[in-house]
Amino acid sequence: MDMKYLGRGWQYTVYDLGNDRVLKKYNTLLQGYWIMFKQCFPFTTHPFWKIPDYYKGCRSTALDSIKKVQQTTMDMTLFGNPKILNELDYEQDKVIPLSAHFKTLTLEQGKITIDKFIDFNLTLIKNHLMDKSFLIGKNYGINANGNIILTDIGELYSSGERIKQQIEKKPWDIYYVTSTIPKPFREYFVSEMNKRIVFK
């Protein structure tokens, strides 16, 4: 089967399988170090000597996250019907990333989508799973039925303490996250996340 390269993040390289599915293959040490080196340059906030720690931490988080997805009783369509191939690699439904979807929306439509995004994450949290950074534009997508799904299942927190600590940090209110959606939607996104994503 011919695979088309789609992109690479700190953890995974993504390929289009050509059958409405994608393959997410965990980065080798060399691939991981290279993408981290490129994205951390000029090393003002992430010193280059920490790259081995970043790679190790990302791998450990992914191993734990994949296990949690396999153990949850939640509907697998919420995660793009992943087929776990080994301890790290998986196939998944091909969807439209939210970063692209938002570009097609009016302000009102965008607000409705943000409300749905928050509802979706509250459902995850209720089931003891949470995307580490709520990276709205990159880690989530819209499937063929128009539903929001979590596409990145390699960065999930599951312990109550970790979830509580992360929510208290408000990781959604940083440029790394807000920059993944168009400017007109950012203020509403942050204010609604601040209001509704609270640890109970």
N, C-alpha and C. Protein backbone atom coordinates (compact mmCIF):
# COMPACT_ATOMS: atom_id res chain seq x y z
N MET A 1 0.84 -1.20 0.00
CA MET A 1 0.00 0.00 0.00
C MET A 1 0.88 1.26 0.00
N ASP A 2 0.59 2.17 -0.92
CA ASP A 2 1.34 3.43 -0.98
C ASP A 2 0.92 4.34 0.16
N MET A 3 1.91 4.90 0.84
CA MET A 3 1.61 5.81 1.94
C MET A 3 2.14 7.20 1.59
N LYS A 4 1.30 8.19 1.79
CA LYS A 4 1.70 9.57 1.51
C LYS A 4 2.02 10.26 2.84
N TYR A 5 3.20 10.85 2.89
CA TYR A 5 3.63 11.57 4.09
C TYR A 5 2.77 12.82 4.29
N LEU A 6 2.23 13.00 5.51
CA LEU A 6 1.40 14.17 5.80
C LEU A 6 2.07 15.17 6.73
N GLY A 7 2.87 14.69 7.66
CA GLY A 7 3.51 15.63 8.58
C GLY A 7 4.17 14.90 9.75
N ARG A 8 4.90 15.68 10.54
CA ARG A 8 5.61 15.09 11.69
C ARG A 8 5.56 16.04 12.88
N GLY A 9 5.22 15.50 14.04
CA GLY A 9 5.27 16.24 15.29
C GLY A 9 6.36 15.68 16.18
N TRP A 10 6.36 16.08 17.43
CA TRP A 10 7.40 15.62 18.35
C TRP A 10 7.33 14.11 18.59
N GLN A 11 6.13 13.55 18.51
CA GLN A 11 5.98 12.12 18.79
C GLN A 11 5.84 11.28 17.52
N TYR A 12 4.97 11.73 16.62
CA TYR A 12 4.57 10.87 15.50
C TYR A 12 4.83 11.47 14.13
N THR A 13 5.05 10.56 13.16
CA THR A 13 5.02 10.91 11.74
C THR A 13 3.72 10.32 11.19
N VAL A 14 2.98 11.14 10.43
CA VAL A 14 1.65 10.74 9.96
C VAL A 14 1.66 10.48 8.45
N TYR A 15 1.06 9.36 8.06
CA TYR A 15 0.96 8.98 6.65
C TYR A 15 -0.49 8.75 6.27
N ASP A 16 -0.87 9.18 5.08
CA ASP A 16 -2.20 8.91 4.53
C ASP A 16 -2.17 7.52 3.90
N LEU A 17 -3.04 6.62 4.37
CA LEU A 17 -3.07 5.25 3.85
C LEU A 17 -3.91 5.14 2.58
N GLY A 18 -4.63 6.24 2.24
CA GLY A 18 -5.40 6.24 0.99
C GLY A 18 -6.75 5.54 1.08
N ASN A 19 -7.16 5.16 2.29
CA ASN A 19 -8.45 4.46 2.46
C ASN A 19 -9.29 5.15 3.54
N ASP A 20 -9.16 6.49 3.60
CA ASP A 20 -9.81 7.29 4.65
C ASP A 20 -9.27 6.97 6.04
N ARG A 21 -8.05 6.44 6.05
CA ARG A 21 -7.38 6.16 7.32
C ARG A 21 -5.96 6.73 7.25
N VAL A 22 -5.41 7.03 8.41
CA VAL A 22 -4.01 7.48 8.48
C VAL A 22 -3.24 6.54 9.39
N LEU A 23 -1.93 6.47 9.15
CA LEU A 23 -1.03 5.71 10.01
C LEU A 23 -0.21 6.71 10.81
N LYS A 24 -0.14 6.50 12.12
CA LYS A 24 0.71 7.33 12.98
C LYS A 24 1.82 6.44 13.52
N LYS A 25 3.02 6.71 13.00
CA LYS A 25 4.18 5.88 13.32
C LYS A 25 5.09 6.66 14.27
N TYR A 26 5.45 6.04 15.39
CA TYR A 26 6.24 6.77 16.38
C TYR A 26 7.63 7.09 15.81
N ASN A 27 8.09 8.31 16.08
CA ASN A 27 9.38 8.75 15.55
C ASN A 27 10.53 7.93 16.11
N THR A 28 11.47 7.61 15.23
CA THR A 28 12.72 7.01 15.68
C THR A 28 13.48 8.06 16.49
N LEU A 29 14.52 7.64 17.16
CA LEU A 29 15.34 8.57 17.95
C LEU A 29 15.84 9.72 17.07
N LEU A 30 16.35 9.39 15.89
CA LEU A 30 16.89 10.40 14.98
C LEU A 30 15.80 11.36 14.51
N GLN A 31 14.65 10.82 14.11
CA GLN A 31 13.52 11.66 13.66
C GLN A 31 13.05 12.58 14.79
N GLY A 32 12.92 12.01 15.99
CA GLY A 32 12.46 12.78 17.14
C GLY A 32 13.41 13.91 17.49
N TYR A 33 14.71 13.58 17.58
CA TYR A 33 15.72 14.60 17.92
C TYR A 33 15.72 15.72 16.88
N TRP A 34 15.59 15.35 15.60
CA TRP A 34 15.68 16.33 14.51
C TRP A 34 14.51 17.30 14.56
N ILE A 35 13.27 16.79 14.73
CA ILE A 35 12.10 17.68 14.75
C ILE A 35 12.13 18.57 16.00
N MET A 36 12.59 18.01 17.11
CA MET A 36 12.69 18.80 18.34
C MET A 36 13.75 19.88 18.20
N PHE A 37 14.88 19.52 17.60
CA PHE A 37 15.97 20.48 17.37
C PHE A 37 15.47 21.65 16.52
N LYS A 38 14.78 21.32 15.42
CA LYS A 38 14.26 22.35 14.51
C LYS A 38 13.24 23.26 15.19
N GLN A 39 12.34 22.65 15.96
CA GLN A 39 11.26 23.43 16.57
C GLN A 39 11.68 24.17 17.84
N CYS A 40 12.74 23.73 18.47
CA CYS A 40 13.21 24.43 19.69
C CYS A 40 14.17 25.59 19.36
N PHE A 41 14.77 25.54 18.17
CA PHE A 41 15.69 26.61 17.77
C PHE A 41 14.97 27.96 17.80
N PRO A 42 15.53 29.05 18.32
CA PRO A 42 16.91 29.24 18.80
C PRO A 42 17.14 28.92 20.29
N PHE A 43 16.37 28.02 20.84
CA PHE A 43 16.59 27.48 22.19
C PHE A 43 16.45 28.50 23.31
N THR A 44 15.57 29.47 23.12
CA THR A 44 15.37 30.48 24.17
C THR A 44 14.51 29.92 25.31
N THR A 45 13.53 29.09 24.97
CA THR A 45 12.69 28.51 26.02
C THR A 45 12.96 27.02 26.23
N HIS A 46 13.47 26.36 25.19
CA HIS A 46 13.78 24.92 25.29
C HIS A 46 15.26 24.70 24.95
N PRO A 47 16.16 24.60 25.95
CA PRO A 47 17.58 24.40 25.65
C PRO A 47 17.84 23.08 24.92
N PHE A 48 18.76 23.10 23.95
CA PHE A 48 18.97 21.92 23.09
C PHE A 48 19.46 20.71 23.88
N TRP A 49 20.17 20.95 25.01
CA TRP A 49 20.68 19.82 25.79
C TRP A 49 19.57 19.03 26.50
N LYS A 50 18.35 19.59 26.47
CA LYS A 50 17.23 18.88 27.11
C LYS A 50 16.49 17.96 26.12
N ILE A 51 16.91 17.99 24.85
CA ILE A 51 16.20 17.22 23.82
C ILE A 51 16.12 15.72 24.17
N PRO A 52 17.21 15.08 24.65
CA PRO A 52 17.07 13.66 25.03
C PRO A 52 15.99 13.44 26.10
N ASP A 53 15.88 14.37 27.04
CA ASP A 53 14.83 14.27 28.07
C ASP A 53 13.44 14.43 27.45
N TYR A 54 13.32 15.37 26.49
CA TYR A 54 12.03 15.58 25.83
C TYR A 54 11.60 14.31 25.10
N TYR A 55 12.55 13.71 24.38
CA TYR A 55 12.23 12.51 23.60
C TYR A 55 11.79 11.38 24.54
N LYS A 56 12.56 11.20 25.61
CA LYS A 56 12.25 10.14 26.58
C LYS A 56 10.88 10.38 27.23
N GLY A 57 10.61 11.65 27.60
CA GLY A 57 9.34 11.99 28.23
C GLY A 57 8.16 11.79 27.30
N CYS A 58 8.33 12.20 26.03
CA CYS A 58 7.26 12.03 25.03
C CYS A 58 6.94 10.56 24.81
N ARG A 59 7.99 9.73 24.76
CA ARG A 59 7.80 8.30 24.52
C ARG A 59 7.07 7.64 25.69
N SER A 60 7.48 8.02 26.88
CA SER A 60 6.85 7.47 28.10
C SER A 60 5.38 7.87 28.17
N THR A 61 5.08 9.15 27.85
CA THR A 61 3.69 9.62 27.85
C THR A 61 2.87 8.87 26.81
N ALA A 62 3.44 8.67 25.62
CA ALA A 62 2.72 7.97 24.54
C ALA A 62 2.41 6.52 24.93
N LEU A 63 3.38 5.83 25.51
CA LEU A 63 3.17 4.44 25.93
C LEU A 63 2.02 4.35 26.92
N ASP A 64 2.01 5.27 27.89
CA ASP A 64 0.97 5.29 28.91
C ASP A 64 -0.39 5.65 28.30
N SER A 65 -0.40 6.63 27.38
CA SER A 65 -1.64 7.10 26.76
C SER A 65 -2.31 6.00 25.93
N ILE A 66 -1.51 5.31 25.13
CA ILE A 66 -2.06 4.24 24.28
C ILE A 66 -2.72 3.17 25.15
N LYS A 67 -2.05 2.83 26.26
CA LYS A 67 -2.63 1.84 27.18
C LYS A 67 -3.97 2.32 27.74
N LYS A 68 -4.02 3.60 28.10
CA LYS A 68 -5.26 4.17 28.68
C LYS A 68 -6.40 4.13 27.67
N VAL A 69 -6.10 4.42 26.41
CA VAL A 69 -7.13 4.38 25.36
C VAL A 69 -7.63 2.94 25.19
N GLN A 70 -6.72 1.97 25.27
CA GLN A 70 -7.12 0.57 25.13
C GLN A 70 -7.99 0.12 26.31
N GLN A 71 -7.77 0.73 27.46
CA GLN A 71 -8.48 0.30 28.68
C GLN A 71 -9.83 1.00 28.88
N THR A 72 -10.00 2.18 28.27
CA THR A 72 -11.23 2.95 28.51
C THR A 72 -12.46 2.26 27.92
N THR A 73 -13.61 2.52 28.54
CA THR A 73 -14.86 1.96 28.01
C THR A 73 -15.56 2.98 27.10
N MET A 74 -14.91 4.12 26.84
CA MET A 74 -15.51 5.15 25.99
C MET A 74 -15.64 4.66 24.54
N ASP A 75 -16.57 5.26 23.83
CA ASP A 75 -16.80 4.94 22.42
C ASP A 75 -15.55 5.30 21.61
N MET A 76 -15.03 4.33 20.86
CA MET A 76 -13.78 4.55 20.12
C MET A 76 -13.92 5.55 18.96
N THR A 77 -15.15 5.86 18.56
CA THR A 77 -15.30 6.88 17.51
C THR A 77 -14.81 8.24 18.01
N LEU A 78 -14.83 8.45 19.33
CA LEU A 78 -14.34 9.71 19.91
C LEU A 78 -12.84 9.89 19.67
N PHE A 79 -12.16 8.79 19.40
CA PHE A 79 -10.71 8.81 19.15
C PHE A 79 -10.37 8.45 17.71
N GLY A 80 -11.36 8.53 16.83
CA GLY A 80 -11.12 8.22 15.41
C GLY A 80 -10.95 6.75 15.14
N ASN A 81 -11.62 5.90 15.93
CA ASN A 81 -11.55 4.44 15.75
C ASN A 81 -10.12 3.94 15.58
N PRO A 82 -9.27 4.19 16.57
CA PRO A 82 -7.87 3.76 16.41
C PRO A 82 -7.72 2.24 16.40
N LYS A 83 -6.83 1.79 15.54
CA LYS A 83 -6.43 0.38 15.55
C LYS A 83 -4.98 0.37 16.02
N ILE A 84 -4.78 -0.11 17.24
CA ILE A 84 -3.44 -0.09 17.83
C ILE A 84 -2.63 -1.23 17.20
N LEU A 85 -1.50 -0.88 16.59
CA LEU A 85 -0.71 -1.87 15.85
C LEU A 85 0.37 -2.52 16.70
N ASN A 86 0.92 -1.75 17.63
CA ASN A 86 1.91 -2.26 18.59
C ASN A 86 1.85 -1.32 19.79
N GLU A 87 2.88 -1.28 20.61
CA GLU A 87 2.77 -0.46 21.83
C GLU A 87 2.72 1.04 21.55
N LEU A 88 3.11 1.49 20.34
CA LEU A 88 3.13 2.93 20.06
C LEU A 88 2.44 3.35 18.76
N ASP A 89 2.47 2.53 17.74
CA ASP A 89 1.93 2.92 16.43
C ASP A 89 0.44 2.59 16.34
N TYR A 90 -0.28 3.42 15.58
CA TYR A 90 -1.71 3.13 15.39
C TYR A 90 -2.22 3.71 14.08
N GLU A 91 -3.32 3.11 13.60
CA GLU A 91 -4.08 3.65 12.47
C GLU A 91 -5.28 4.37 13.03
N GLN A 92 -5.85 5.28 12.24
CA GLN A 92 -6.96 6.10 12.72
C GLN A 92 -7.74 6.65 11.52
N ASP A 93 -9.01 7.00 11.75
CA ASP A 93 -9.80 7.64 10.69
C ASP A 93 -9.13 8.94 10.25
N LYS A 94 -9.19 9.20 8.96
CA LYS A 94 -8.69 10.48 8.44
C LYS A 94 -9.78 11.53 8.63
N VAL A 95 -9.43 12.64 9.26
CA VAL A 95 -10.42 13.69 9.54
C VAL A 95 -9.86 15.05 9.13
N ILE A 96 -10.71 16.08 9.22
CA ILE A 96 -10.26 17.45 8.94
C ILE A 96 -9.76 18.06 10.24
N PRO A 97 -8.49 18.48 10.31
CA PRO A 97 -8.00 19.10 11.55
C PRO A 97 -8.82 20.35 11.89
N LEU A 98 -9.01 20.61 13.18
CA LEU A 98 -9.78 21.79 13.56
C LEU A 98 -9.13 23.08 13.07
N SER A 99 -7.81 23.09 12.94
CA SER A 99 -7.12 24.30 12.43
C SER A 99 -7.65 24.66 11.04
N ALA A 100 -7.90 23.66 10.20
CA ALA A 100 -8.43 23.90 8.85
C ALA A 100 -9.93 24.17 8.90
N HIS A 101 -10.64 23.44 9.74
CA HIS A 101 -12.09 23.58 9.84
C HIS A 101 -12.49 25.01 10.26
N PHE A 102 -11.76 25.58 11.24
CA PHE A 102 -12.10 26.92 11.73
C PHE A 102 -12.01 27.98 10.63
N LYS A 103 -11.13 27.75 9.65
CA LYS A 103 -10.96 28.73 8.56
C LYS A 103 -12.21 28.83 7.68
N THR A 104 -13.11 27.87 7.79
CA THR A 104 -14.32 27.87 6.96
C THR A 104 -15.53 28.43 7.73
N LEU A 105 -15.34 28.84 8.98
CA LEU A 105 -16.47 29.19 9.84
C LEU A 105 -16.64 30.69 10.06
N THR A 106 -17.89 31.10 10.25
CA THR A 106 -18.17 32.47 10.69
C THR A 106 -17.87 32.53 12.19
N LEU A 107 -17.89 33.73 12.75
CA LEU A 107 -17.63 33.88 14.18
C LEU A 107 -18.64 33.09 15.01
N GLU A 108 -19.90 33.18 14.63
CA GLU A 108 -20.95 32.46 15.39
C GLU A 108 -20.77 30.95 15.29
N GLN A 109 -20.47 30.47 14.08
CA GLN A 109 -20.24 29.03 13.89
C GLN A 109 -19.02 28.57 14.70
N GLY A 110 -18.01 29.44 14.72
CA GLY A 110 -16.80 29.13 15.49
C GLY A 110 -17.08 29.01 16.97
N LYS A 111 -17.92 29.90 17.48
CA LYS A 111 -18.29 29.85 18.91
C LYS A 111 -19.02 28.55 19.24
N ILE A 112 -19.90 28.14 18.33
CA ILE A 112 -20.63 26.87 18.54
C ILE A 112 -19.64 25.70 18.55
N THR A 113 -18.66 25.74 17.64
CA THR A 113 -17.65 24.67 17.58
C THR A 113 -16.80 24.66 18.86
N ILE A 114 -16.45 25.83 19.37
CA ILE A 114 -15.69 25.91 20.62
C ILE A 114 -16.51 25.34 21.78
N ASP A 115 -17.81 25.64 21.81
CA ASP A 115 -18.68 25.07 22.85
C ASP A 115 -18.69 23.54 22.77
N LYS A 116 -18.76 23.03 21.54
CA LYS A 116 -18.74 21.56 21.35
C LYS A 116 -17.39 20.98 21.77
N PHE A 117 -16.32 21.70 21.45
CA PHE A 117 -14.97 21.28 21.83
C PHE A 117 -14.87 21.16 23.36
N ILE A 118 -15.42 22.14 24.06
CA ILE A 118 -15.37 22.11 25.53
C ILE A 118 -16.23 20.97 26.07
N ASP A 119 -17.42 20.79 25.50
CA ASP A 119 -18.28 19.66 25.91
C ASP A 119 -17.53 18.34 25.74
N PHE A 120 -16.87 18.21 24.59
CA PHE A 120 -16.11 16.99 24.29
C PHE A 120 -15.04 16.74 25.35
N ASN A 121 -14.30 17.80 25.70
CA ASN A 121 -13.22 17.64 26.69
C ASN A 121 -13.75 17.39 28.09
N LEU A 122 -14.90 17.95 28.41
CA LEU A 122 -15.52 17.67 29.72
C LEU A 122 -15.92 16.20 29.81
N THR A 123 -16.37 15.63 28.68
CA THR A 123 -16.70 14.20 28.64
C THR A 123 -15.44 13.36 28.87
N LEU A 124 -14.33 13.75 28.22
CA LEU A 124 -13.07 13.03 28.42
C LEU A 124 -12.65 13.08 29.89
N ILE A 125 -12.69 14.29 30.46
CA ILE A 125 -12.24 14.47 31.85
C ILE A 125 -13.11 13.64 32.81
N LYS A 126 -14.41 13.62 32.54
CA LYS A 126 -15.33 12.82 33.37
C LYS A 126 -14.94 11.35 33.33
N ASN A 127 -14.33 10.93 32.22
CA ASN A 127 -13.87 9.54 32.06
C ASN A 127 -12.38 9.38 32.36
N HIS A 128 -11.84 10.33 33.11
CA HIS A 128 -10.44 10.28 33.59
C HIS A 128 -9.41 10.26 32.46
N LEU A 129 -9.68 11.00 31.39
CA LEU A 129 -8.71 11.19 30.32
C LEU A 129 -8.70 12.67 29.95
N MET A 130 -7.51 13.20 29.67
CA MET A 130 -7.43 14.61 29.29
C MET A 130 -6.23 14.86 28.40
N ASP A 131 -6.47 15.54 27.28
CA ASP A 131 -5.36 15.95 26.41
C ASP A 131 -4.51 16.96 27.17
N LYS A 132 -3.23 16.70 27.22
CA LYS A 132 -2.30 17.49 28.03
C LYS A 132 -2.43 19.00 27.83
N SER A 133 -2.52 19.45 26.57
CA SER A 133 -2.45 20.90 26.33
C SER A 133 -3.71 21.50 25.72
N PHE A 134 -4.75 20.67 25.50
CA PHE A 134 -5.97 21.16 24.83
C PHE A 134 -5.60 21.87 23.53
N LEU A 135 -4.68 21.26 22.78
CA LEU A 135 -4.16 21.87 21.56
C LEU A 135 -5.22 21.80 20.45
N ILE A 136 -6.14 22.73 20.53
CA ILE A 136 -7.40 22.69 19.77
C ILE A 136 -7.23 22.51 18.26
N GLY A 137 -6.33 23.27 17.65
CA GLY A 137 -6.19 23.21 16.20
C GLY A 137 -5.48 21.98 15.69
N LYS A 138 -4.55 21.44 16.48
CA LYS A 138 -3.69 20.35 16.00
C LYS A 138 -4.08 18.96 16.50
N ASN A 139 -4.59 18.87 17.73
CA ASN A 139 -4.83 17.54 18.32
C ASN A 139 -6.25 17.03 18.15
N TYR A 140 -7.08 17.82 17.47
CA TYR A 140 -8.50 17.47 17.31
C TYR A 140 -8.91 17.66 15.86
N GLY A 141 -9.97 16.95 15.47
CA GLY A 141 -10.47 17.09 14.10
C GLY A 141 -11.97 16.92 14.04
N ILE A 142 -12.52 17.11 12.84
CA ILE A 142 -13.94 16.91 12.57
C ILE A 142 -14.06 15.67 11.69
N ASN A 143 -14.86 14.70 12.13
CA ASN A 143 -14.99 13.47 11.32
C ASN A 143 -16.09 13.61 10.27
N ALA A 144 -16.33 12.54 9.54
CA ALA A 144 -17.30 12.57 8.43
C ALA A 144 -18.72 12.88 8.90
N ASN A 145 -19.01 12.63 10.18
CA ASN A 145 -20.34 12.92 10.73
C ASN A 145 -20.44 14.31 11.34
N GLY A 146 -19.36 15.10 11.21
CA GLY A 146 -19.38 16.45 11.76
C GLY A 146 -19.12 16.53 13.25
N ASN A 147 -18.62 15.43 13.82
CA ASN A 147 -18.33 15.40 15.26
C ASN A 147 -16.86 15.66 15.54
N ILE A 148 -16.59 16.31 16.67
CA ILE A 148 -15.21 16.54 17.09
C ILE A 148 -14.64 15.24 17.64
N ILE A 149 -13.40 14.93 17.24
CA ILE A 149 -12.71 13.77 17.80
C ILE A 149 -11.30 14.17 18.22
N LEU A 150 -10.74 13.38 19.11
CA LEU A 150 -9.35 13.59 19.53
C LEU A 150 -8.46 12.78 18.60
N THR A 151 -7.61 13.46 17.85
CA THR A 151 -6.75 12.74 16.89
C THR A 151 -5.41 12.36 17.49
N ASP A 152 -4.94 13.12 18.48
CA ASP A 152 -3.65 12.82 19.10
C ASP A 152 -3.90 12.08 20.41
N ILE A 153 -3.72 10.76 20.37
CA ILE A 153 -3.96 9.97 21.58
C ILE A 153 -2.65 9.62 22.28
N GLY A 154 -1.61 10.39 21.98
CA GLY A 154 -0.29 10.11 22.57
C GLY A 154 0.10 11.02 23.72
N GLU A 155 -0.81 11.93 24.13
CA GLU A 155 -0.47 12.88 25.19
C GLU A 155 -1.61 13.02 26.20
N LEU A 156 -2.07 11.89 26.71
CA LEU A 156 -3.22 11.92 27.62
C LEU A 156 -2.79 11.79 29.07
N TYR A 157 -3.43 12.58 29.92
CA TYR A 157 -3.27 12.42 31.37
C TYR A 157 -4.48 11.65 31.87
N SER A 158 -4.26 10.82 32.89
CA SER A 158 -5.39 10.03 33.41
C SER A 158 -5.52 10.06 34.93
N SER A 159 -4.48 10.45 35.63
CA SER A 159 -4.61 10.48 37.09
C SER A 159 -5.28 11.78 37.51
N GLY A 160 -6.13 11.69 38.53
CA GLY A 160 -6.85 12.86 39.02
C GLY A 160 -5.92 14.00 39.39
N GLU A 161 -4.79 13.65 40.00
CA GLU A 161 -3.84 14.68 40.45
C GLU A 161 -3.20 15.41 39.26
N ARG A 162 -2.79 14.63 38.23
CA ARG A 162 -2.18 15.25 37.03
C ARG A 162 -3.19 16.13 36.31
N ILE A 163 -4.43 15.65 36.21
CA ILE A 163 -5.49 16.40 35.53
C ILE A 163 -5.75 17.72 36.28
N LYS A 164 -5.84 17.63 37.60
CA LYS A 164 -6.09 18.81 38.43
C LYS A 164 -4.96 19.83 38.26
N GLN A 165 -3.71 19.37 38.37
CA GLN A 165 -2.54 20.26 38.23
C GLN A 165 -2.54 20.95 36.88
N GLN A 166 -2.83 20.19 35.83
CA GLN A 166 -2.78 20.74 34.47
C GLN A 166 -3.89 21.77 34.25
N ILE A 167 -5.09 21.47 34.73
CA ILE A 167 -6.20 22.42 34.60
C ILE A 167 -5.87 23.73 35.33
N GLU A 168 -5.25 23.61 36.49
CA GLU A 168 -4.89 24.82 37.27
C GLU A 168 -3.88 25.68 36.53
N LYS A 169 -3.07 25.06 35.66
CA LYS A 169 -2.07 25.81 34.87
C LYS A 169 -2.71 26.57 33.71
N LYS A 170 -3.96 26.23 33.37
CA LYS A 170 -4.65 26.82 32.21
C LYS A 170 -3.77 26.78 30.95
N PRO A 171 -3.38 25.58 30.50
CA PRO A 171 -2.45 25.47 29.37
C PRO A 171 -3.02 25.99 28.06
N TRP A 172 -4.34 26.17 28.01
CA TRP A 172 -4.98 26.66 26.77
C TRP A 172 -4.72 28.14 26.54
N ASP A 173 -4.30 28.86 27.57
CA ASP A 173 -4.12 30.32 27.45
C ASP A 173 -2.67 30.68 27.14
N ILE A 174 -2.08 29.98 26.19
CA ILE A 174 -0.73 30.33 25.73
C ILE A 174 -0.74 30.35 24.20
N TYR A 175 0.18 31.12 23.63
CA TYR A 175 0.18 31.33 22.18
C TYR A 175 0.35 30.02 21.41
N TYR A 176 1.12 29.08 21.96
CA TYR A 176 1.35 27.78 21.34
C TYR A 176 0.01 27.09 21.02
N VAL A 177 -0.98 27.28 21.90
CA VAL A 177 -2.30 26.66 21.72
C VAL A 177 -3.22 27.57 20.91
N THR A 178 -3.35 28.83 21.32
CA THR A 178 -4.30 29.74 20.65
C THR A 178 -3.93 30.01 19.20
N SER A 179 -2.64 29.94 18.88
CA SER A 179 -2.20 30.23 17.50
C SER A 179 -2.64 29.17 16.50
N THR A 180 -3.17 28.03 17.00
CA THR A 180 -3.61 26.97 16.08
C THR A 180 -5.04 27.21 15.55
N ILE A 181 -5.69 28.28 16.03
CA ILE A 181 -6.99 28.66 15.45
C ILE A 181 -6.93 30.13 15.03
N PRO A 182 -7.76 30.54 14.05
CA PRO A 182 -7.71 31.93 13.58
C PRO A 182 -8.00 32.95 14.70
N LYS A 183 -7.40 34.12 14.58
CA LYS A 183 -7.50 35.18 15.61
C LYS A 183 -8.90 35.49 16.10
N PRO A 184 -9.91 35.63 15.20
CA PRO A 184 -11.24 36.04 15.67
C PRO A 184 -11.85 35.13 16.74
N PHE A 185 -11.37 33.86 16.81
CA PHE A 185 -11.97 32.90 17.74
C PHE A 185 -11.22 32.78 19.07
N ARG A 186 -10.04 33.37 19.15
CA ARG A 186 -9.16 33.10 20.29
C ARG A 186 -9.69 33.64 21.62
N GLU A 187 -10.23 34.85 21.62
CA GLU A 187 -10.69 35.45 22.87
C GLU A 187 -11.85 34.64 23.47
N TYR A 188 -12.79 34.24 22.61
CA TYR A 188 -13.93 33.44 23.07
C TYR A 188 -13.44 32.08 23.60
N PHE A 189 -12.51 31.47 22.86
CA PHE A 189 -11.95 30.17 23.26
C PHE A 189 -11.37 30.25 24.67
N VAL A 190 -10.50 31.22 24.92
CA VAL A 190 -9.84 31.32 26.23
C VAL A 190 -10.85 31.64 27.33
N SER A 191 -11.76 32.57 27.08
CA SER A 191 -12.70 32.96 28.14
C SER A 191 -13.64 31.81 28.50
N GLU A 192 -14.09 31.04 27.49
CA GLU A 192 -14.98 29.91 27.77
C GLU A 192 -14.24 28.76 28.44
N MET A 193 -13.00 28.52 28.02
CA MET A 193 -12.19 27.48 28.67
C MET A 193 -11.97 27.85 30.14
N ASN A 194 -11.66 29.11 30.41
CA ASN A 194 -11.45 29.57 31.78
C ASN A 194 -12.71 29.34 32.64
N LYS A 195 -13.87 29.58 32.02
CA LYS A 195 -15.13 29.46 32.75
C LYS A 195 -15.52 28.01 33.00
N ARG A 196 -15.32 27.18 31.97
CA ARG A 196 -15.95 25.84 32.01
C ARG A 196 -15.02 24.69 32.34
N ILE A 197 -13.72 24.83 32.03
CA ILE A 197 -12.81 23.74 32.36
C ILE A 197 -12.22 23.97 33.75
N VAL A 198 -12.88 23.41 34.72
CA VAL A 198 -12.43 23.55 36.12
C VAL A 198 -12.44 22.15 36.73
N PHE A 199 -11.54 21.91 37.65
CA PHE A 199 -11.47 20.59 38.28
C PHE A 199 -12.48 20.51 39.40
N LYS A 200 -13.35 19.50 39.35
CA LYS A 200 -14.37 19.36 40.40
C LYS A 200 -14.06 18.17 41.27
